[in-house]
Every structure is written in C-alpha cells, then in structure tokens.
Amino acid sequence: MRIAIGSDHAGFALKEAVKVFLTAEHRDIVDVGTDNTDPVDYSDFAEAIGRALRENRAERGILLCGSGVGASMAANRIPGIRAGLCHETYSAHY
C-alpha cells in the first residue's frame, strides 16, 4: 500500500518516526514534506496529501500537525478527501 505522509513543523519529528515504523513493514511511502522544523502552514501539506491521493500516487494519507484540528479541517475542504482526527489506535481503526 502506498501511503502519503506529511506534516507541518510541529508534526515533523512524529512524521519522521512514523516513516521509520511504516518502512519497517515494507510500505511504499510518499513523503510530501515538510523537511525540517522551520515554520510552515499545515494547509499546504494537507493539500499536498490530498493531491497525492487524488492523483493515485497514494492509497492512504497521514497528516500530522501540532493539534490535528486545523490540518483535518483543511484536508476535509479538498473535494473527494475525508479526514478524521485520531489520537489513539481505536479511533484510527474505526
């Protein structure tokens, strides 16, 4: 499964850790950024993940930011994309 992953500056460290976890399972990862902790807008990365999904470059997306609220709202504004805010595995699974 191809997974697009992206974050703003607040989610950068977690994004890097999640990438390590996912690649250990031999997943194909599409990293849309950011590449460091310099301040950026989470909406840019929500759009990048949405584009990767709509262009069939990925089958699922993971978007990380400081709280998850703004990023999930931005992702849900993209036609055809549905995002859910998950803080633990139970919610993510369902």
PDB file of N, CA and C in Angstrom:
ATOM      1  N   MET A   1       0.843  -1.183   0.000  1.00  0.00           N
ATOM      2  CA  MET A   1       0.000   0.000   0.000  1.00  0.00           C
ATOM      3  C   MET A   1       0.882   1.237   0.000  1.00  0.00           C
ATOM      4  N   ARG A   2       0.570   2.164  -0.882  1.00  0.00           N
ATOM      5  CA  ARG A   2       1.287   3.435  -0.906  1.00  0.00           C
ATOM      6  C   ARG A   2       0.614   4.402   0.048  1.00  0.00           C
ATOM      7  N   ILE A   3       1.407   5.004   0.921  1.00  0.00           N
ATOM      8  CA  ILE A   3       0.897   5.926   1.927  1.00  0.00           C
ATOM      9  C   ILE A   3       1.588   7.270   1.763  1.00  0.00           C
ATOM     10  N   ALA A   4       0.802   8.329   1.591  1.00  0.00           N
ATOM     11  CA  ALA A   4       1.339   9.688   1.573  1.00  0.00           C
ATOM     12  C   ALA A   4       1.401  10.175   3.018  1.00  0.00           C
ATOM     13  N   ILE A   5       2.503  10.784   3.390  1.00  0.00           N
ATOM     14  CA  ILE A   5       2.644  11.301   4.745  1.00  0.00           C
ATOM     15  C   ILE A   5       3.198  12.715   4.671  1.00  0.00           C
ATOM     16  N   GLY A   6       2.657  13.576   5.507  1.00  0.00           N
ATOM     17  CA  GLY A   6       3.105  14.961   5.538  1.00  0.00           C
ATOM     18  C   GLY A   6       2.822  15.579   6.884  1.00  0.00           C
ATOM     19  N   SER A   7       3.481  16.686   7.142  1.00  0.00           N
ATOM     20  CA  SER A   7       3.287  17.369   8.420  1.00  0.00           C
ATOM     21  C   SER A   7       3.671  18.831   8.288  1.00  0.00           C
ATOM     22  N   ASP A   8       3.225  19.600   9.266  1.00  0.00           N
ATOM     23  CA  ASP A   8       3.761  20.945   9.404  1.00  0.00           C
ATOM     24  C   ASP A   8       4.986  20.840  10.318  1.00  0.00           C
ATOM     25  N   HIS A   9       5.539  21.980  10.701  1.00  0.00           N
ATOM     26  CA  HIS A   9       6.744  21.977  11.538  1.00  0.00           C
ATOM     27  C   HIS A   9       6.518  21.333  12.902  1.00  0.00           C
ATOM     28  N   ALA A  10       5.316  21.467  13.456  1.00  0.00           N
ATOM     29  CA  ALA A  10       5.027  20.901  14.778  1.00  0.00           C
ATOM     30  C   ALA A  10       4.925  19.381  14.748  1.00  0.00           C
ATOM     31  N   GLY A  11       4.605  18.812  13.607  1.00  0.00           N
ATOM     32  CA  GLY A  11       4.481  17.366  13.490  1.00  0.00           C
ATOM     33  C   GLY A  11       5.670  16.699  12.836  1.00  0.00           C
ATOM     34  N   PHE A  12       6.712  17.477  12.526  1.00  0.00           N
ATOM     35  CA  PHE A  12       7.854  16.939  11.778  1.00  0.00           C
ATOM     36  C   PHE A  12       8.513  15.750  12.477  1.00  0.00           C
ATOM     37  N   ALA A  13       8.831  15.860  13.758  1.00  0.00           N
ATOM     38  CA  ALA A  13       9.519  14.771  14.467  1.00  0.00           C
ATOM     39  C   ALA A  13       8.675  13.498  14.479  1.00  0.00           C
ATOM     40  N   LEU A  14       7.376  13.632  14.716  1.00  0.00           N
ATOM     41  CA  LEU A  14       6.498  12.467  14.709  1.00  0.00           C
ATOM     42  C   LEU A  14       6.403  11.868  13.304  1.00  0.00           C
ATOM     43  N   LYS A  15       6.345  12.719  12.280  1.00  0.00           N
ATOM     44  CA  LYS A  15       6.299  12.228  10.888  1.00  0.00           C
ATOM     45  C   LYS A  15       7.515  11.364  10.587  1.00  0.00           C
ATOM     46  N   GLU A  16       8.676  11.808  11.003  1.00  0.00           N
ATOM     47  CA  GLU A  16       9.898  11.043  10.754  1.00  0.00           C
ATOM     48  C   GLU A  16       9.858   9.699  11.481  1.00  0.00           C
ATOM     49  N   ALA A  17       9.345   9.673  12.702  1.00  0.00           N
ATOM     50  CA  ALA A  17       9.234   8.421  13.455  1.00  0.00           C
ATOM     51  C   ALA A  17       8.217   7.477  12.813  1.00  0.00           C
ATOM     52  N   VAL A  18       7.097   8.007  12.352  1.00  0.00           N
ATOM     53  CA  VAL A  18       6.076   7.187  11.698  1.00  0.00           C
ATOM     54  C   VAL A  18       6.621   6.612  10.389  1.00  0.00           C
ATOM     55  N   LYS A  19       7.405   7.387   9.657  1.00  0.00           N
ATOM     56  CA  LYS A  19       8.017   6.886   8.422  1.00  0.00           C
ATOM     57  C   LYS A  19       8.910   5.679   8.705  1.00  0.00           C
ATOM     58  N   VAL A  20       9.706   5.745   9.770  1.00  0.00           N
ATOM     59  CA  VAL A  20      10.568   4.621  10.130  1.00  0.00           C
ATOM     60  C   VAL A  20       9.717   3.390  10.428  1.00  0.00           C
ATOM     61  N   PHE A  21       8.644   3.577  11.193  1.00  0.00           N
ATOM     62  CA  PHE A  21       7.748   2.473  11.531  1.00  0.00           C
ATOM     63  C   PHE A  21       7.130   1.863  10.273  1.00  0.00           C
ATOM     64  N   LEU A  22       6.640   2.712   9.378  1.00  0.00           N
ATOM     65  CA  LEU A  22       5.971   2.225   8.169  1.00  0.00           C
ATOM     66  C   LEU A  22       6.930   1.540   7.207  1.00  0.00           C
ATOM     67  N   THR A  23       8.119   2.072   7.047  1.00  0.00           N
ATOM     68  CA  THR A  23       9.063   1.449   6.119  1.00  0.00           C
ATOM     69  C   THR A  23       9.550   0.108   6.648  1.00  0.00           C
ATOM     70  N   ALA A  24       9.513  -0.105   7.947  1.00  0.00           N
ATOM     71  CA  ALA A  24       9.877  -1.414   8.505  1.00  0.00           C
ATOM     72  C   ALA A  24       8.888  -2.486   8.067  1.00  0.00           C
ATOM     73  N   GLU A  25       7.681  -2.093   7.715  1.00  0.00           N
ATOM     74  CA  GLU A  25       6.655  -3.021   7.241  1.00  0.00           C
ATOM     75  C   GLU A  25       6.634  -3.096   5.714  1.00  0.00           C
ATOM     76  N   HIS A  26       7.673  -2.579   5.058  1.00  0.00           N
ATOM     77  CA  HIS A  26       7.818  -2.613   3.601  1.00  0.00           C
ATOM     78  C   HIS A  26       6.709  -1.859   2.880  1.00  0.00           C
ATOM     79  N   ARG A  27       6.281  -0.782   3.439  1.00  0.00           N
ATOM     80  CA  ARG A  27       5.278   0.059   2.795  1.00  0.00           C
ATOM     81  C   ARG A  27       5.970   1.045   1.854  1.00  0.00           C
ATOM     82  N   ASP A  28       5.281   1.442   0.809  1.00  0.00           N
ATOM     83  CA  ASP A  28       5.770   2.459  -0.110  1.00  0.00           C
ATOM     84  C   ASP A  28       5.301   3.807   0.437  1.00  0.00           C
ATOM     85  N   ILE A  29       6.241   4.654   0.837  1.00  0.00           N
ATOM     86  CA  ILE A  29       5.918   5.920   1.485  1.00  0.00           C
ATOM     87  C   ILE A  29       6.171   7.078   0.526  1.00  0.00           C
ATOM     88  N   VAL A  30       5.190   7.972   0.418  1.00  0.00           N
ATOM     89  CA  VAL A  30       5.319   9.195  -0.380  1.00  0.00           C
ATOM     90  C   VAL A  30       5.365  10.346   0.613  1.00  0.00           C
ATOM     91  N   ASP A  31       6.557  10.883   0.878  1.00  0.00           N
ATOM     92  CA  ASP A  31       6.730  11.979   1.832  1.00  0.00           C
ATOM     93  C   ASP A  31       6.533  13.297   1.100  1.00  0.00           C
ATOM     94  N   VAL A  32       5.478  14.043   1.474  1.00  0.00           N
ATOM     95  CA  VAL A  32       5.180  15.321   0.825  1.00  0.00           C
ATOM     96  C   VAL A  32       5.719  16.511   1.615  1.00  0.00           C
ATOM     97  N   GLY A  33       6.474  16.250   2.697  1.00  0.00           N
ATOM     98  CA  GLY A  33       7.089  17.325   3.481  1.00  0.00           C
ATOM     99  C   GLY A  33       6.348  17.588   4.764  1.00  0.00           C
ATOM    100  N   THR A  34       6.780  18.452   5.522  1.00  0.00           N
ATOM    101  CA  THR A  34       7.925  19.329   5.475  1.00  0.00           C
ATOM    102  C   THR A  34       9.199  18.561   5.800  1.00  0.00           C
ATOM    103  N   ASP A  35      10.328  19.198   5.536  1.00  0.00           N
ATOM    104  CA  ASP A  35      11.599  18.518   5.708  1.00  0.00           C
ATOM    105  C   ASP A  35      12.403  18.994   6.910  1.00  0.00           C
ATOM    106  N   ASN A  36      11.827  19.874   7.722  1.00  0.00           N
ATOM    107  CA  ASN A  36      12.525  20.378   8.908  1.00  0.00           C
ATOM    108  C   ASN A  36      11.522  21.062   9.830  1.00  0.00           C
ATOM    109  N   THR A  37      12.008  21.701  10.873  1.00  0.00           N
ATOM    110  CA  THR A  37      11.117  22.321  11.860  1.00  0.00           C
ATOM    111  C   THR A  37      10.927  23.824  11.648  1.00  0.00           C
ATOM    112  N   ASP A  38      11.325  24.328  10.484  1.00  0.00           N
ATOM    113  CA  ASP A  38      11.074  25.736  10.172  1.00  0.00           C
ATOM    114  C   ASP A  38       9.568  25.944  10.027  1.00  0.00           C
ATOM    115  N   PRO A  39       9.017  27.041  10.550  1.00  0.00           N
ATOM    116  CA  PRO A  39       7.571  27.273  10.495  1.00  0.00           C
ATOM    117  C   PRO A  39       7.003  27.219   9.069  1.00  0.00           C
ATOM    118  N   VAL A  40       5.918  26.470   8.922  1.00  0.00           N
ATOM    119  CA  VAL A  40       5.197  26.334   7.646  1.00  0.00           C
ATOM    120  C   VAL A  40       3.698  26.284   7.941  1.00  0.00           C
ATOM    121  N   ASP A  41       2.887  26.375   6.905  1.00  0.00           N
ATOM    122  CA  ASP A  41       1.434  26.301   7.046  1.00  0.00           C
ATOM    123  C   ASP A  41       0.961  24.866   6.864  1.00  0.00           C
ATOM    124  N   TYR A  42       0.212  24.348   7.844  1.00  0.00           N
ATOM    125  CA  TYR A  42      -0.284  22.962   7.764  1.00  0.00           C
ATOM    126  C   TYR A  42      -1.169  22.761   6.543  1.00  0.00           C
ATOM    127  N   SER A  43      -1.861  23.806   6.127  1.00  0.00           N
ATOM    128  CA  SER A  43      -2.782  23.662   4.984  1.00  0.00           C
ATOM    129  C   SER A  43      -2.042  23.306   3.692  1.00  0.00           C
ATOM    130  N   ASP A  44      -0.798  23.749   3.551  1.00  0.00           N
ATOM    131  CA  ASP A  44      -0.024  23.395   2.353  1.00  0.00           C
ATOM    132  C   ASP A  44       0.203  21.892   2.284  1.00  0.00           C
ATOM    133  N   PHE A  45       0.402  21.254   3.426  1.00  0.00           N
ATOM    134  CA  PHE A  45       0.691  19.827   3.448  1.00  0.00           C
ATOM    135  C   PHE A  45      -0.589  18.995   3.399  1.00  0.00           C
ATOM    136  N   ALA A  46      -1.687  19.546   3.893  1.00  0.00           N
ATOM    137  CA  ALA A  46      -2.988  18.899   3.695  1.00  0.00           C
ATOM    138  C   ALA A  46      -3.297  18.849   2.206  1.00  0.00           C
ATOM    139  N   GLU A  47      -3.035  19.946   1.511  1.00  0.00           N
ATOM    140  CA  GLU A  47      -3.265  19.994   0.066  1.00  0.00           C
ATOM    141  C   GLU A  47      -2.342  19.021  -0.671  1.00  0.00           C
ATOM    142  N   ALA A  48      -1.078  18.931  -0.250  1.00  0.00           N
ATOM    143  CA  ALA A  48      -0.129  18.029  -0.915  1.00  0.00           C
ATOM    144  C   ALA A  48      -0.547  16.570  -0.761  1.00  0.00           C
ATOM    145  N   ILE A  49      -1.040  16.199   0.420  1.00  0.00           N
ATOM    146  CA  ILE A  49      -1.519  14.827   0.619  1.00  0.00           C
ATOM    147  C   ILE A  49      -2.782  14.588  -0.195  1.00  0.00           C
ATOM    148  N   GLY A  50      -3.691  15.543  -0.177  1.00  0.00           N
ATOM    149  CA  GLY A  50      -4.910  15.420  -0.972  1.00  0.00           C
ATOM    150  C   GLY A  50      -4.610  15.255  -2.450  1.00  0.00           C
ATOM    151  N   ARG A  51      -3.641  16.006  -2.956  1.00  0.00           N
ATOM    152  CA  ARG A  51      -3.239  15.890  -4.357  1.00  0.00           C
ATOM    153  C   ARG A  51      -2.666  14.499  -4.647  1.00  0.00           C
ATOM    154  N   ALA A  52      -1.815  14.000  -3.737  1.00  0.00           N
ATOM    155  CA  ALA A  52      -1.227  12.660  -3.924  1.00  0.00           C
ATOM    156  C   ALA A  52      -2.322  11.597  -3.977  1.00  0.00           C
ATOM    157  N   LEU A  53      -3.346  11.744  -3.158  1.00  0.00           N
ATOM    158  CA  LEU A  53      -4.444  10.778  -3.147  1.00  0.00           C
ATOM    159  C   LEU A  53      -5.284  10.894  -4.408  1.00  0.00           C
ATOM    160  N   ARG A  54      -5.637  12.093  -4.791  1.00  0.00           N
ATOM    161  CA  ARG A  54      -6.476  12.288  -5.972  1.00  0.00           C
ATOM    162  C   ARG A  54      -5.775  11.901  -7.261  1.00  0.00           C
ATOM    163  N   GLU A  55      -4.435  12.008  -7.289  1.00  0.00           N
ATOM    164  CA  GLU A  55      -3.657  11.639  -8.471  1.00  0.00           C
ATOM    165  C   GLU A  55      -3.225  10.172  -8.441  1.00  0.00           C
ATOM    166  N   ASN A  56      -3.747   9.427  -7.467  1.00  0.00           N
ATOM    167  CA  ASN A  56      -3.439   7.998  -7.315  1.00  0.00           C
ATOM    168  C   ASN A  56      -1.957   7.705  -7.097  1.00  0.00           C
ATOM    169  N   ARG A  57      -1.223   8.664  -6.533  1.00  0.00           N
ATOM    170  CA  ARG A  57       0.166   8.405  -6.156  1.00  0.00           C
ATOM    171  C   ARG A  57       0.237   7.739  -4.790  1.00  0.00           C
ATOM    172  N   ALA A  58      -0.897   7.715  -4.076  1.00  0.00           N
ATOM    173  CA  ALA A  58      -1.000   7.062  -2.768  1.00  0.00           C
ATOM    174  C   ALA A  58      -2.421   6.575  -2.585  1.00  0.00           C
ATOM    175  N   GLU A  59      -2.563   5.556  -1.729  1.00  0.00           N
ATOM    176  CA  GLU A  59      -3.881   4.991  -1.441  1.00  0.00           C
ATOM    177  C   GLU A  59      -4.452   5.513  -0.122  1.00  0.00           C
ATOM    178  N   ARG A  60      -3.570   5.896   0.789  1.00  0.00           N
ATOM    179  CA  ARG A  60      -3.976   6.446   2.081  1.00  0.00           C
ATOM    180  C   ARG A  60      -3.051   7.607   2.402  1.00  0.00           C
ATOM    181  N   GLY A  61      -3.485   8.452   3.330  1.00  0.00           N
ATOM    182  CA  GLY A  61      -2.657   9.587   3.737  1.00  0.00           C
ATOM    183  C   GLY A  61      -2.617   9.736   5.238  1.00  0.00           C
ATOM    184  N   ILE A  62      -1.492  10.190   5.732  1.00  0.00           N
ATOM    185  CA  ILE A  62      -1.313  10.501   7.148  1.00  0.00           C
ATOM    186  C   ILE A  62      -0.817  11.939   7.217  1.00  0.00           C
ATOM    187  N   LEU A  63      -1.565  12.781   7.908  1.00  0.00           N
ATOM    188  CA  LEU A  63      -1.241  14.195   8.044  1.00  0.00           C
ATOM    189  C   LEU A  63      -1.048  14.496   9.520  1.00  0.00           C
ATOM    190  N   LEU A  64       0.098  15.056   9.867  1.00  0.00           N
ATOM    191  CA  LEU A  64       0.430  15.327  11.261  1.00  0.00           C
ATOM    192  C   LEU A  64       0.677  16.823  11.460  1.00  0.00           C
ATOM    193  N   CYS A  65       0.171  17.338  12.579  1.00  0.00           N
ATOM    194  CA  CYS A  65       0.458  18.727  12.950  1.00  0.00           C
ATOM    195  C   CYS A  65       0.426  18.819  14.464  1.00  0.00           C
ATOM    196  N   GLY A  66       0.475  20.021  14.982  1.00  0.00           N
ATOM    197  CA  GLY A  66       0.516  20.195  16.428  1.00  0.00           C
ATOM    198  C   GLY A  66      -0.698  19.625  17.145  1.00  0.00           C
ATOM    199  N   SER A  67      -1.890  20.003  16.732  1.00  0.00           N
ATOM    200  CA  SER A  67      -3.106  19.515  17.394  1.00  0.00           C
ATOM    201  C   SER A  67      -3.917  18.570  16.514  1.00  0.00           C
ATOM    202  N   GLY A  68      -3.794  18.695  15.215  1.00  0.00           N
ATOM    203  CA  GLY A  68      -4.566  17.887  14.284  1.00  0.00           C
ATOM    204  C   GLY A  68      -5.871  18.540  13.855  1.00  0.00           C
ATOM    205  N   VAL A  69      -6.314  19.535  14.587  1.00  0.00           N
ATOM    206  CA  VAL A  69      -7.612  20.151  14.305  1.00  0.00           C
ATOM    207  C   VAL A  69      -7.583  20.905  12.977  1.00  0.00           C
ATOM    208  N   GLY A  70      -6.668  21.846  12.839  1.00  0.00           N
ATOM    209  CA  GLY A  70      -6.602  22.642  11.616  1.00  0.00           C
ATOM    210  C   GLY A  70      -6.278  21.804  10.401  1.00  0.00           C
ATOM    211  N   ALA A  71      -5.351  20.869  10.550  1.00  0.00           N
ATOM    212  CA  ALA A  71      -4.947  20.027   9.423  1.00  0.00           C
ATOM    213  C   ALA A  71      -6.105  19.175   8.935  1.00  0.00           C
ATOM    214  N   SER A  72      -6.870  18.592   9.851  1.00  0.00           N
ATOM    215  CA  SER A  72      -8.003  17.763   9.423  1.00  0.00           C
ATOM    216  C   SER A  72      -9.094  18.624   8.785  1.00  0.00           C
ATOM    217  N   MET A  73      -9.290  19.833   9.289  1.00  0.00           N
ATOM    218  CA  MET A  73     -10.264  20.736   8.671  1.00  0.00           C
ATOM    219  C   MET A  73      -9.824  21.114   7.257  1.00  0.00           C
ATOM    220  N   ALA A  74      -8.537  21.408   7.090  1.00  0.00           N
ATOM    221  CA  ALA A  74      -8.014  21.771   5.762  1.00  0.00           C
ATOM    222  C   ALA A  74      -8.146  20.597   4.805  1.00  0.00           C
ATOM    223  N   ALA A  75      -7.829  19.395   5.254  1.00  0.00           N
ATOM    224  CA  ALA A  75      -7.928  18.212   4.395  1.00  0.00           C
ATOM    225  C   ALA A  75      -9.378  17.958   3.982  1.00  0.00           C
ATOM    226  N   ASN A  76     -10.307  18.159   4.882  1.00  0.00           N
ATOM    227  CA  ASN A  76     -11.723  17.920   4.577  1.00  0.00           C
ATOM    228  C   ASN A  76     -12.300  18.932   3.590  1.00  0.00           C
ATOM    229  N   ARG A  77     -11.610  20.013   3.342  1.00  0.00           N
ATOM    230  CA  ARG A  77     -12.067  21.001   2.357  1.00  0.00           C
ATOM    231  C   ARG A  77     -11.713  20.594   0.928  1.00  0.00           C
ATOM    232  N   ILE A  78     -10.885  19.568   0.784  1.00  0.00           N
ATOM    233  CA  ILE A  78     -10.466  19.119  -0.543  1.00  0.00           C
ATOM    234  C   ILE A  78     -11.527  18.167  -1.089  1.00  0.00           C
ATOM    235  N   PRO A  79     -12.092  18.461  -2.265  1.00  0.00           N
ATOM    236  CA  PRO A  79     -13.127  17.579  -2.826  1.00  0.00           C
ATOM    237  C   PRO A  79     -12.641  16.135  -2.942  1.00  0.00           C
ATOM    238  N   GLY A  80     -13.460  15.215  -2.447  1.00  0.00           N
ATOM    239  CA  GLY A  80     -13.155  13.791  -2.524  1.00  0.00           C
ATOM    240  C   GLY A  80     -12.283  13.262  -1.401  1.00  0.00           C
ATOM    241  N   ILE A  81     -11.829  14.127  -0.519  1.00  0.00           N
ATOM    242  CA  ILE A  81     -10.954  13.712   0.583  1.00  0.00           C
ATOM    243  C   ILE A  81     -11.732  13.792   1.890  1.00  0.00           C
ATOM    244  N   ARG A  82     -11.595  12.770   2.717  1.00  0.00           N
ATOM    245  CA  ARG A  82     -12.215  12.750   4.035  1.00  0.00           C
ATOM    246  C   ARG A  82     -11.142  12.468   5.070  1.00  0.00           C
ATOM    247  N   ALA A  83     -11.036  13.338   6.055  1.00  0.00           N
ATOM    248  CA  ALA A  83     -10.021  13.205   7.097  1.00  0.00           C
ATOM    249  C   ALA A  83     -10.689  13.066   8.450  1.00  0.00           C
ATOM    250  N   GLY A  84     -10.119  12.245   9.285  1.00  0.00           N
ATOM    251  CA  GLY A  84     -10.592  12.076  10.651  1.00  0.00           C
ATOM    252  C   GLY A  84      -9.461  12.360  11.618  1.00  0.00           C
ATOM    253  N   LEU A  85      -9.776  13.049  12.693  1.00  0.00           N
ATOM    254  CA  LEU A  85      -8.780  13.367  13.715  1.00  0.00           C
ATOM    255  C   LEU A  85      -8.699  12.195  14.687  1.00  0.00           C
ATOM    256  N   CYS A  86      -7.537  11.564  14.773  1.00  0.00           N
ATOM    257  CA  CYS A  86      -7.354  10.374  15.607  1.00  0.00           C
ATOM    258  C   CYS A  86      -6.218  10.598  16.592  1.00  0.00           C
ATOM    259  N   HIS A  87      -6.496  10.335  17.862  1.00  0.00           N
ATOM    260  CA  HIS A  87      -5.483  10.483  18.914  1.00  0.00           C
ATOM    261  C   HIS A  87      -5.033   9.143  19.469  1.00  0.00           C
ATOM    262  N   GLU A  88      -5.678   8.053  19.061  1.00  0.00           N
ATOM    263  CA  GLU A  88      -5.287   6.734  19.534  1.00  0.00           C
ATOM    264  C   GLU A  88      -5.732   5.693  18.491  1.00  0.00           C
ATOM    265  N   THR A  89      -5.283   4.463  18.672  1.00  0.00           N
ATOM    266  CA  THR A  89      -5.492   3.429  17.662  1.00  0.00           C
ATOM    267  C   THR A  89      -6.948   3.024  17.494  1.00  0.00           C
ATOM    268  N   TYR A  90      -7.743   3.085  18.539  1.00  0.00           N
ATOM    269  CA  TYR A  90      -9.141   2.700  18.429  1.00  0.00           C
ATOM    270  C   TYR A  90      -9.873   3.578  17.406  1.00  0.00           C
ATOM    271  N   SER A  91      -9.730   4.894  17.553  1.00  0.00           N
ATOM    272  CA  SER A  91     -10.387   5.798  16.621  1.00  0.00           C
ATOM    273  C   SER A  91      -9.836   5.652  15.211  1.00  0.00           C
ATOM    274  N   ALA A  92      -8.525   5.477  15.088  1.00  0.00           N
ATOM    275  CA  ALA A  92      -7.919   5.323  13.775  1.00  0.00           C
ATOM    276  C   ALA A  92      -8.425   4.060  13.082  1.00  0.00           C
ATOM    277  N   HIS A  93      -8.598   3.009  13.824  1.00  0.00           N
ATOM    278  CA  HIS A  93      -9.072   1.753  13.247  1.00  0.00           C
ATOM    279  C   HIS A  93     -10.492   1.889  12.715  1.00  0.00           C
ATOM    280  N   TYR A  94     -11.364   2.541  13.479  1.00  0.00           N
ATOM    281  CA  TYR A  94     -12.760   2.666  13.055  1.00  0.00           C
ATOM    282  C   TYR A  94     -13.000   3.888  12.209  1.00  0.00           C
TER     283      TYR A  94
END
